[in-house]
Amino acid sequence: MPADRSVSPRVKRTPLPREIKVLVAAAFIIAIGFGIIAPVLPQYAQSFNASATAVSAVVSAFGLTRLLFAPVSGKVTSRFGETPVYMTGVLVVALSMFLIAFAQDYAQLLIFRALGGIGSTLFTVSAMAFLARKSPPTIRGRVSGAYASAFLIGNIAGPVVGSLLAAFGYRVPFLIYGTSLVIAAGLVFFLLRDSRLADRAAPDRRSSMPLSEAWTHHAYRASLTSFFANGWATFGVRNSLTPLFAAGAFTGAGAVLDGPQMAGAALSVFAAGNIVAVTFSSRLSDVHGRKPLIIIGLIVAAVATGVIGWATSPWLFLGLCVVAGMGTGLLNAPQQAAIADLVGQERKAGSVMSTAQMSADLGAIIGPLVAGLVVDAAGYGWAFALTGGVLLVGALSWTFAPETNLPVAPGGPRTGALPKITPPDPQEDLRHRPDAG
């Protein structure tokens, strides 16, 4: 306990760098727009006479292009810098949203959504690399938490607003999201101008951390597994099947919210539970380590998600969404900070971060497709139970992984990085021996 008291005040006093605050503000704007389209997209796809599997394919197409272009995004981020790549990616997603708003058939919707995945991986990987470079080591968890919280706060209001906007037609939310993305890109362009010019004047000479080196760390391999599980459950099944389940299972159930409104509420309360957990998990991971929070978060999310599909009461369903969101919130910031611990500030993180993102995208691709097939064959209950099992596999992988945020000394403050171990110098050891010359 004394060690914790000595660390906590120092962690709290460290301010967030200005550049990170700008990125957090941009993330908030993007999240509001994303939250608006999340409950509408599956129903928009259904309006083209798409089956549950075809609806899931729209979500998977987005993840597929993210997966395919993730290696490219890591390379261009290292080559051209984080902020230019970030702005380019945001604007590509904005273009895809405007195109989706005017899609004439399912094939166009699928293609335009896939285009958005290219832009998404550009700004996601560049943002992760930017956070790793600019985050003070002792508050990496808090920085990751602040960035995640910006998305979550936007996602609380966004789905409800999106469900209400659906009354004006399914195309309107996509126009609003595209506009919010243009605003976010403009914010980064103007407020990070000095940082961008400084990077041009003093090019980044840091070497990149080889992926082969990152792979040697058990914690990195565990991170890839948990990223995959989180991608399957949070970015895949939650966005594709949860709105469909909510809109279908609780239509005419006598609840205050009905149909599309229940779908929007489900995503909002998930985000609410997420942000409640993020507010303390990010700080706790800086003080007590990443691993315990990641494991607990995966288990909580697994249990809640695994039984969502069996819920018959709308209030029980919403309660499970809150708990699942809290579980996801516990693991998100620590999991990202763990990779930043491994890379450190001394090296570029492009390839290592893009591979982690690829793992999440792979889960987001496979999850909706497999779960959609299970829904068509056996119902929603078994699809969500399978998703809970995938999250438990992620927890198991971290059980055998080492902690990445270790104390400098036993009981002492944590470093925010794995401590560097320098091999002893034989000559130095010889000079200090009592029997030496």
Protein backbone atom coordinates (compact mmCIF):
# COMPACT_ATOMS: atom_id res chain seq x y z
CA MET A 1 0.00 0.00 0.00
CA PRO A 2 2.74 2.59 0.74
CA ALA A 3 4.15 1.98 -2.74
CA ASP A 4 0.76 2.64 -4.28
CA ARG A 5 0.39 5.94 -2.42
CA SER A 6 3.81 7.05 -3.63
CA VAL A 7 2.91 6.35 -7.24
CA SER A 8 -0.67 7.54 -7.43
CA PRO A 9 -0.10 11.29 -6.76
CA ARG A 10 2.71 11.39 -9.33
CA VAL A 11 0.53 9.72 -11.93
CA LYS A 12 -2.37 12.10 -11.28
CA ARG A 13 -0.22 15.23 -11.43
CA THR A 14 1.24 14.40 -14.84
CA PRO A 15 -0.79 16.38 -17.39
CA LEU A 16 -1.85 15.03 -20.75
CA PRO A 17 0.27 16.54 -23.55
CA ARG A 18 -1.55 19.09 -25.70
CA GLU A 19 -1.19 17.00 -28.88
CA ILE A 20 -2.96 14.10 -27.19
CA LYS A 21 -5.80 16.38 -26.06
CA VAL A 22 -6.34 17.39 -29.70
CA LEU A 23 -6.45 13.76 -30.81
CA VAL A 24 -8.88 12.97 -28.00
CA ALA A 25 -11.17 15.82 -29.12
CA ALA A 26 -11.08 14.55 -32.72
CA ALA A 27 -11.87 11.03 -31.49
CA PHE A 28 -14.93 12.36 -29.67
CA ILE A 29 -16.28 13.99 -32.83
CA ILE A 30 -15.67 10.83 -34.85
CA ALA A 31 -17.32 8.68 -32.18
CA ILE A 32 -20.54 10.67 -32.16
CA GLY A 33 -20.88 10.12 -35.90
CA PHE A 34 -20.00 6.43 -35.65
CA GLY A 35 -22.51 5.99 -32.86
CA ILE A 36 -25.18 7.54 -35.06
CA ILE A 37 -24.73 5.00 -37.87
CA ALA A 38 -24.06 1.90 -35.72
CA PRO A 39 -27.72 0.99 -35.01
CA VAL A 40 -28.85 2.10 -38.48
CA LEU A 41 -26.36 0.24 -40.69
CA PRO A 42 -27.72 -3.31 -40.15
CA GLN A 43 -31.27 -2.13 -40.77
CA TYR A 44 -30.15 -0.12 -43.81
CA ALA A 45 -28.57 -3.30 -45.20
CA GLN A 46 -31.78 -5.22 -44.50
CA SER A 47 -33.69 -2.63 -46.53
CA PHE A 48 -31.90 -4.10 -49.58
CA ASN A 49 -33.46 -7.51 -48.75
CA ALA A 50 -30.28 -8.82 -47.15
CA SER A 51 -30.26 -11.89 -44.87
CA ALA A 52 -28.62 -11.95 -41.42
CA THR A 53 -25.47 -13.38 -43.00
CA ALA A 54 -25.47 -10.69 -45.70
CA VAL A 55 -25.96 -7.98 -43.08
CA SER A 56 -22.98 -9.36 -41.17
CA ALA A 57 -20.99 -9.31 -44.41
CA VAL A 58 -21.34 -5.53 -44.54
CA VAL A 59 -19.63 -5.30 -41.15
CA SER A 60 -17.06 -7.91 -42.17
CA ALA A 61 -16.26 -6.11 -45.44
CA PHE A 62 -15.23 -3.07 -43.42
CA GLY A 63 -13.00 -5.25 -41.25
CA LEU A 64 -11.60 -7.11 -44.26
CA THR A 65 -10.23 -3.98 -45.94
CA ARG A 66 -8.87 -2.82 -42.59
CA LEU A 67 -7.08 -6.16 -42.30
CA LEU A 68 -5.68 -6.10 -45.84
CA PHE A 69 -4.45 -2.51 -45.63
CA ALA A 70 -3.14 -2.63 -42.05
CA PRO A 71 0.44 -3.51 -43.13
CA VAL A 72 0.34 -0.63 -45.61
CA SER A 73 -0.94 1.75 -42.95
CA GLY A 74 1.94 0.84 -40.65
CA LYS A 75 4.50 1.50 -43.38
CA VAL A 76 3.03 4.80 -44.58
CA THR A 77 2.73 5.99 -40.98
CA SER A 78 6.44 5.36 -40.44
CA ARG A 79 7.24 6.97 -43.81
CA PHE A 80 5.05 10.10 -43.81
CA GLY A 81 4.30 10.67 -40.12
CA GLU A 82 1.28 10.11 -37.92
CA THR A 83 -0.76 13.30 -38.44
CA PRO A 84 -0.77 13.40 -42.28
CA VAL A 85 -1.78 9.75 -42.43
CA TYR A 86 -4.41 10.31 -39.74
CA MET A 87 -6.07 13.16 -41.65
CA THR A 88 -5.99 11.22 -44.92
CA GLY A 89 -7.64 8.22 -43.31
CA VAL A 90 -10.40 10.29 -41.71
CA LEU A 91 -11.22 11.96 -45.03
CA VAL A 92 -11.35 8.60 -46.86
CA VAL A 93 -13.91 7.36 -44.33
CA ALA A 94 -15.87 10.60 -44.80
CA LEU A 95 -16.00 9.97 -48.55
CA SER A 96 -17.26 6.43 -47.99
CA MET A 97 -20.05 7.71 -45.73
CA PHE A 98 -21.29 10.16 -48.37
CA LEU A 99 -21.22 7.37 -50.97
CA ILE A 100 -23.12 4.98 -48.67
CA ALA A 101 -25.81 7.61 -48.18
CA PHE A 102 -26.53 7.44 -51.92
CA ALA A 103 -26.08 3.68 -52.45
CA GLN A 104 -28.66 2.25 -54.84
CA ASP A 105 -28.31 -1.46 -54.02
CA TYR A 106 -26.69 -3.93 -51.65
CA ALA A 107 -23.58 -4.38 -53.82
CA GLN A 108 -22.84 -0.64 -53.74
CA LEU A 109 -23.39 -0.56 -49.98
CA LEU A 110 -20.92 -3.41 -49.54
CA ILE A 111 -18.26 -1.75 -51.75
CA PHE A 112 -18.59 1.70 -50.18
CA ARG A 113 -18.45 0.26 -46.66
CA ALA A 114 -15.31 -1.65 -47.62
CA LEU A 115 -13.77 1.62 -48.85
CA GLY A 116 -14.32 3.06 -45.41
CA GLY A 117 -12.20 0.28 -43.94
CA ILE A 118 -9.15 1.54 -45.85
CA GLY A 119 -9.44 4.98 -44.32
CA SER A 120 -10.26 3.55 -40.92
CA THR A 121 -7.06 1.51 -40.68
CA LEU A 122 -5.02 4.54 -41.77
CA PHE A 123 -6.27 6.78 -39.00
CA THR A 124 -6.48 4.02 -36.36
CA VAL A 125 -2.90 2.77 -36.76
CA SER A 126 -1.48 6.30 -37.06
CA ALA A 127 -3.37 7.34 -33.92
CA MET A 128 -2.04 4.35 -31.96
CA ALA A 129 1.52 5.13 -33.09
CA PHE A 130 1.03 8.82 -32.22
CA LEU A 131 -0.17 7.93 -28.71
CA ALA A 132 2.76 5.56 -28.18
CA ARG A 133 5.24 8.29 -29.19
CA LYS A 134 3.69 11.18 -27.27
CA SER A 135 2.57 9.40 -24.07
CA PRO A 136 4.76 9.86 -20.98
CA PRO A 137 5.64 6.30 -19.87
CA THR A 138 4.15 6.63 -16.37
CA ILE A 139 0.68 7.59 -17.68
CA ARG A 140 0.38 5.39 -20.76
CA GLY A 141 -2.70 3.72 -19.35
CA ARG A 142 -4.36 7.07 -18.62
CA VAL A 143 -3.59 8.34 -22.12
CA SER A 144 -5.08 5.20 -23.69
CA GLY A 145 -8.06 5.57 -21.37
CA ALA A 146 -8.63 9.21 -22.32
CA TYR A 147 -8.56 8.33 -26.02
CA ALA A 148 -10.90 5.38 -25.50
CA SER A 149 -13.22 7.47 -23.32
CA ALA A 150 -13.62 10.03 -26.09
CA PHE A 151 -14.95 7.31 -28.38
CA LEU A 152 -17.15 5.89 -25.67
CA ILE A 153 -18.76 9.17 -24.64
CA GLY A 154 -19.62 9.82 -28.26
CA ASN A 155 -20.99 6.31 -28.58
CA ILE A 156 -23.36 6.83 -25.66
CA ALA A 157 -25.36 9.59 -27.33
CA GLY A 158 -24.71 8.56 -30.93
CA PRO A 159 -26.80 5.36 -31.14
CA VAL A 160 -29.85 6.98 -29.57
CA VAL A 161 -29.58 9.94 -31.93
CA GLY A 162 -29.07 7.57 -34.86
CA SER A 163 -32.18 5.57 -33.97
CA LEU A 164 -34.22 8.77 -33.83
CA LEU A 165 -32.77 10.03 -37.12
CA ALA A 166 -33.82 6.77 -38.77
CA ALA A 167 -37.33 8.24 -38.78
CA PHE A 168 -36.08 10.65 -41.47
CA GLY A 169 -34.71 7.80 -43.56
CA TYR A 170 -31.70 5.51 -43.27
CA ARG A 171 -29.50 7.75 -45.44
CA VAL A 172 -29.50 10.86 -43.22
CA PRO A 173 -27.24 9.42 -40.43
CA PHE A 174 -24.50 8.64 -42.96
CA LEU A 175 -24.51 12.22 -44.24
CA ILE A 176 -24.17 13.46 -40.67
CA TYR A 177 -21.31 11.05 -39.93
CA GLY A 178 -19.45 12.09 -43.09
CA THR A 179 -19.73 15.73 -42.06
CA SER A 180 -18.44 15.03 -38.55
CA LEU A 181 -15.39 13.27 -40.03
CA VAL A 182 -14.55 16.32 -42.16
CA ILE A 183 -14.77 18.47 -39.01
CA ALA A 184 -12.45 16.07 -37.13
CA ALA A 185 -9.86 16.17 -39.92
CA GLY A 186 -9.99 19.97 -39.91
CA LEU A 187 -9.48 20.05 -36.15
CA VAL A 188 -6.30 17.98 -36.42
CA PHE A 189 -5.06 19.99 -39.41
CA PHE A 190 -5.27 23.36 -37.67
CA LEU A 191 -4.52 22.49 -34.02
CA LEU A 192 -1.60 20.14 -34.72
CA ARG A 193 0.00 22.41 -37.28
CA ASP A 194 2.94 23.29 -35.03
CA SER A 195 3.58 19.64 -34.22
CA ARG A 196 3.41 18.73 -37.90
CA LEU A 197 5.87 21.49 -38.86
CA ALA A 198 8.22 20.45 -36.07
CA ASP A 199 8.21 16.88 -37.37
CA ARG A 200 9.11 18.15 -40.85
CA ALA A 201 11.96 20.30 -39.50
CA ALA A 202 13.35 17.43 -37.44
CA PRO A 203 12.56 14.15 -39.22
CA ASP A 204 11.94 11.15 -37.01
CA ARG A 205 15.19 9.17 -36.99
CA ARG A 206 14.01 6.45 -34.65
CA SER A 207 14.32 2.86 -35.81
CA SER A 208 11.23 0.68 -36.05
CA MET A 209 10.69 -2.23 -33.70
CA PRO A 210 10.81 -5.38 -35.84
CA LEU A 211 7.69 -7.51 -35.68
CA SER A 212 9.89 -10.56 -35.19
CA GLU A 213 11.23 -9.02 -31.97
CA ALA A 214 7.75 -8.16 -30.70
CA TRP A 215 6.66 -11.74 -31.42
CA THR A 216 9.28 -13.08 -29.00
CA HIS A 217 7.38 -11.45 -26.11
CA HIS A 218 4.67 -13.69 -24.66
CA ALA A 219 2.72 -10.57 -23.67
CA TYR A 220 2.59 -9.43 -27.30
CA ARG A 221 1.28 -12.79 -28.45
CA ALA A 222 -1.34 -12.65 -25.69
CA SER A 223 -2.25 -9.14 -26.83
CA LEU A 224 -2.86 -10.39 -30.36
CA THR A 225 -5.20 -13.05 -28.98
CA SER A 226 -7.16 -10.60 -26.82
CA PHE A 227 -7.30 -8.06 -29.67
CA PHE A 228 -8.78 -10.81 -31.86
CA ALA A 229 -11.36 -11.75 -29.22
CA ASN A 230 -12.29 -8.11 -28.62
CA GLY A 231 -12.58 -7.52 -32.35
CA TRP A 232 -14.87 -10.54 -32.70
CA ALA A 233 -17.16 -9.49 -29.83
CA THR A 234 -17.06 -5.68 -29.73
CA PHE A 235 -16.42 -4.55 -33.29
CA GLY A 236 -18.04 -7.51 -35.00
CA VAL A 237 -20.94 -9.17 -33.21
CA ARG A 238 -21.95 -6.12 -31.15
CA ASN A 239 -22.29 -3.92 -34.23
CA SER A 240 -23.90 -6.50 -36.51
CA LEU A 241 -26.06 -8.88 -34.49
CA THR A 242 -26.87 -7.02 -31.26
CA PRO A 243 -28.98 -4.35 -33.02
CA LEU A 244 -30.80 -7.04 -35.02
CA PHE A 245 -31.47 -9.13 -31.91
CA ALA A 246 -32.70 -6.10 -29.96
CA ALA A 247 -34.93 -4.85 -32.75
CA GLY A 248 -36.43 -8.30 -33.37
CA ALA A 249 -36.69 -9.83 -29.90
CA PHE A 250 -38.22 -6.85 -28.13
CA THR A 251 -40.54 -5.41 -30.76
CA GLY A 252 -44.00 -5.31 -29.19
CA ALA A 253 -42.62 -6.39 -25.79
CA GLY A 254 -44.31 -3.48 -24.05
CA ALA A 255 -41.05 -1.71 -23.15
CA VAL A 256 -40.67 2.06 -23.27
CA LEU A 257 -38.24 1.62 -26.15
CA ASP A 258 -39.31 -0.49 -29.08
CA GLY A 259 -37.68 -1.91 -32.20
CA PRO A 260 -34.93 0.38 -33.56
CA GLN A 261 -34.98 2.46 -30.37
CA MET A 262 -34.10 -0.63 -28.31
CA ALA A 263 -31.23 -1.35 -30.72
CA GLY A 264 -29.86 2.15 -30.20
CA ALA A 265 -30.30 1.90 -26.43
CA ALA A 266 -28.39 -1.40 -26.36
CA LEU A 267 -25.35 0.17 -28.00
CA SER A 268 -25.59 3.26 -25.79
CA VAL A 269 -25.74 1.39 -22.48
CA PHE A 270 -22.85 -0.82 -23.64
CA ALA A 271 -20.84 2.35 -24.22
CA ALA A 272 -21.97 3.73 -20.85
CA GLY A 273 -20.72 0.63 -19.03
CA ASN A 274 -17.55 0.85 -21.06
CA ILE A 275 -16.75 4.40 -20.05
CA VAL A 276 -17.50 3.77 -16.37
CA ALA A 277 -14.85 1.03 -16.38
CA VAL A 278 -12.34 2.98 -18.48
CA THR A 279 -12.31 5.91 -16.06
CA PHE A 280 -10.65 3.81 -13.38
CA SER A 281 -9.09 0.89 -15.25
CA SER A 282 -6.70 3.12 -17.20
CA ARG A 283 -5.31 4.70 -14.03
CA LEU A 284 -5.22 1.40 -12.14
CA SER A 285 -3.17 -0.17 -14.93
CA ASP A 286 -0.52 2.54 -14.49
CA VAL A 287 -0.31 1.79 -10.77
CA HIS A 288 -1.02 -1.94 -10.45
CA GLY A 289 -0.14 -3.30 -13.90
CA ARG A 290 -1.97 -4.20 -17.10
CA LYS A 291 -2.44 -7.97 -16.82
CA PRO A 292 -4.99 -8.24 -13.95
CA LEU A 293 -7.37 -5.75 -15.52
CA ILE A 294 -7.13 -7.36 -18.96
CA ILE A 295 -7.96 -10.83 -17.57
CA ILE A 296 -10.83 -9.60 -15.37
CA GLY A 297 -12.25 -7.54 -18.24
CA LEU A 298 -12.21 -10.47 -20.66
CA ILE A 299 -13.92 -12.79 -18.16
CA VAL A 300 -16.64 -10.25 -17.27
CA ALA A 301 -17.30 -9.50 -20.95
CA ALA A 302 -17.35 -13.23 -21.76
CA VAL A 303 -19.95 -14.11 -19.14
CA ALA A 304 -22.26 -11.17 -19.92
CA THR A 305 -21.99 -11.60 -23.69
CA GLY A 306 -22.47 -15.35 -23.52
CA VAL A 307 -25.99 -15.05 -22.05
CA ILE A 308 -27.25 -11.94 -23.88
CA GLY A 309 -28.89 -14.01 -26.60
CA TRP A 310 -30.98 -15.91 -24.04
CA ALA A 311 -32.44 -12.77 -22.43
CA THR A 312 -36.24 -12.58 -22.61
CA SER A 313 -36.70 -9.36 -20.65
CA PRO A 314 -35.68 -6.06 -22.29
CA TRP A 315 -34.38 -4.77 -18.95
CA LEU A 316 -32.27 -7.88 -18.37
CA PHE A 317 -30.95 -7.51 -21.92
CA LEU A 318 -29.95 -3.89 -21.33
CA GLY A 319 -28.37 -4.81 -17.97
CA LEU A 320 -26.24 -7.49 -19.63
CA CYS A 321 -25.16 -4.95 -22.26
CA VAL A 322 -24.00 -2.64 -19.46
CA VAL A 323 -21.98 -5.42 -17.80
CA ALA A 324 -20.46 -6.52 -21.11
CA GLY A 325 -19.50 -2.90 -21.77
CA MET A 326 -17.83 -2.66 -18.36
CA GLY A 327 -15.82 -5.79 -19.06
CA THR A 328 -14.65 -4.40 -22.37
CA GLY A 329 -13.80 -1.08 -20.71
CA LEU A 330 -11.61 -2.85 -18.16
CA LEU A 331 -9.37 -4.36 -20.82
CA ASN A 332 -9.26 -1.79 -23.65
CA ALA A 333 -6.82 0.81 -22.28
CA PRO A 334 -4.50 -1.67 -20.46
CA GLN A 335 -4.30 -3.90 -23.55
CA GLN A 336 -3.21 -1.01 -25.78
CA ALA A 337 -0.84 0.36 -23.13
CA ALA A 338 0.78 -3.08 -22.81
CA ILE A 339 1.91 -2.93 -26.44
CA ALA A 340 3.20 0.62 -25.95
CA ASP A 341 5.16 -0.71 -22.93
CA LEU A 342 6.87 -3.26 -25.16
CA VAL A 343 7.76 -0.78 -27.90
CA GLY A 344 8.68 2.22 -25.73
CA GLN A 345 9.18 5.78 -26.96
CA GLU A 346 12.59 5.11 -28.44
CA ARG A 347 11.35 3.20 -31.48
CA LYS A 348 8.61 3.51 -34.09
CA ALA A 349 5.55 1.40 -33.42
CA GLY A 350 3.96 1.31 -36.88
CA SER A 351 4.32 -2.37 -37.77
CA VAL A 352 3.77 -3.65 -34.23
CA MET A 353 0.62 -1.55 -33.80
CA SER A 354 -0.73 -2.37 -37.27
CA THR A 355 -0.34 -6.11 -36.59
CA ALA A 356 -2.31 -5.74 -33.36
CA GLN A 357 -4.97 -3.88 -35.30
CA MET A 358 -4.96 -6.64 -37.92
CA SER A 359 -5.68 -9.16 -35.20
CA ALA A 360 -8.70 -7.16 -34.04
CA ASP A 361 -9.87 -6.74 -37.63
CA LEU A 362 -9.55 -10.47 -38.27
CA GLY A 363 -11.85 -11.05 -35.32
CA ALA A 364 -14.24 -8.39 -36.60
CA ILE A 365 -14.36 -10.20 -39.97
CA ILE A 366 -14.71 -13.78 -38.78
CA GLY A 367 -16.96 -13.03 -35.80
CA PRO A 368 -19.99 -11.59 -37.62
CA LEU A 369 -19.79 -14.16 -40.41
CA VAL A 370 -19.56 -17.18 -38.11
CA ALA A 371 -22.08 -15.77 -35.63
CA GLY A 372 -24.42 -14.86 -38.48
CA LEU A 373 -24.32 -18.45 -39.75
CA VAL A 374 -25.03 -19.70 -36.23
CA VAL A 375 -28.02 -17.34 -35.98
CA ASP A 376 -29.44 -18.63 -39.24
CA ALA A 377 -28.90 -22.25 -38.16
CA ALA A 378 -29.56 -22.27 -34.40
CA GLY A 379 -30.61 -18.83 -33.18
CA TYR A 380 -29.12 -15.82 -31.43
CA GLY A 381 -28.53 -17.56 -28.11
CA TRP A 382 -25.87 -19.91 -29.44
CA ALA A 383 -24.23 -17.13 -31.49
CA PHE A 384 -23.68 -14.98 -28.39
CA ALA A 385 -22.60 -18.04 -26.35
CA LEU A 386 -19.92 -18.76 -28.96
CA THR A 387 -18.74 -15.15 -28.74
CA GLY A 388 -18.43 -15.45 -24.97
CA GLY A 389 -16.25 -18.53 -25.45
CA VAL A 390 -13.92 -16.63 -27.77
CA LEU A 391 -13.46 -13.95 -25.08
CA LEU A 392 -12.59 -16.66 -22.53
CA VAL A 393 -9.82 -17.89 -24.85
CA GLY A 394 -8.39 -14.37 -24.76
CA ALA A 395 -8.42 -14.44 -20.95
CA LEU A 396 -6.66 -17.81 -20.94
CA SER A 397 -3.89 -16.50 -23.19
CA TRP A 398 -3.13 -13.64 -20.77
CA THR A 399 -3.09 -15.98 -17.76
CA PHE A 400 0.30 -17.31 -18.87
CA ALA A 401 1.73 -13.97 -20.10
CA PRO A 402 4.06 -11.74 -18.03
CA GLU A 403 3.19 -8.26 -16.80
CA THR A 404 4.53 -5.49 -19.06
CA ASN A 405 4.33 -2.60 -16.58
CA LEU A 406 6.78 -3.74 -13.92
CA PRO A 407 8.03 -1.93 -10.81
CA VAL A 408 11.51 -0.41 -11.02
CA ALA A 409 12.25 -2.33 -7.82
CA PRO A 410 10.11 -4.68 -5.71
CA GLY A 411 7.35 -2.57 -4.16
CA GLY A 412 8.52 0.53 -6.02
CA PRO A 413 6.92 2.75 -8.67
CA ARG A 414 6.15 1.30 -12.07
CA THR A 415 8.02 2.33 -15.18
CA GLY A 416 5.31 2.14 -17.82
CA ALA A 417 7.69 -0.12 -19.72
CA LEU A 418 9.59 -3.34 -19.37
CA PRO A 419 12.82 -2.51 -17.54
CA LYS A 420 15.94 -2.59 -19.69
CA ILE A 421 18.40 -5.28 -18.63
CA THR A 422 21.99 -4.47 -19.56
CA PRO A 423 24.37 -7.45 -19.64
CA PRO A 424 27.22 -7.05 -17.15
CA ASP A 425 30.53 -5.79 -18.48
CA PRO A 426 33.21 -8.39 -17.69
CA GLN A 427 35.93 -5.73 -17.60
CA GLU A 428 33.91 -3.58 -15.19
CA ASP A 429 33.28 -6.60 -12.99
CA LEU A 430 37.01 -7.40 -13.00
CA ARG A 431 37.96 -3.86 -11.90
CA HIS A 432 35.65 -4.09 -8.89
CA ARG A 433 36.77 -7.48 -7.69
CA PRO A 434 38.72 -7.35 -4.38
CA ASP A 435 41.43 -9.62 -5.75
CA ALA A 436 41.90 -7.67 -8.96
CA GLY A 437 45.51 -6.40 -9.62
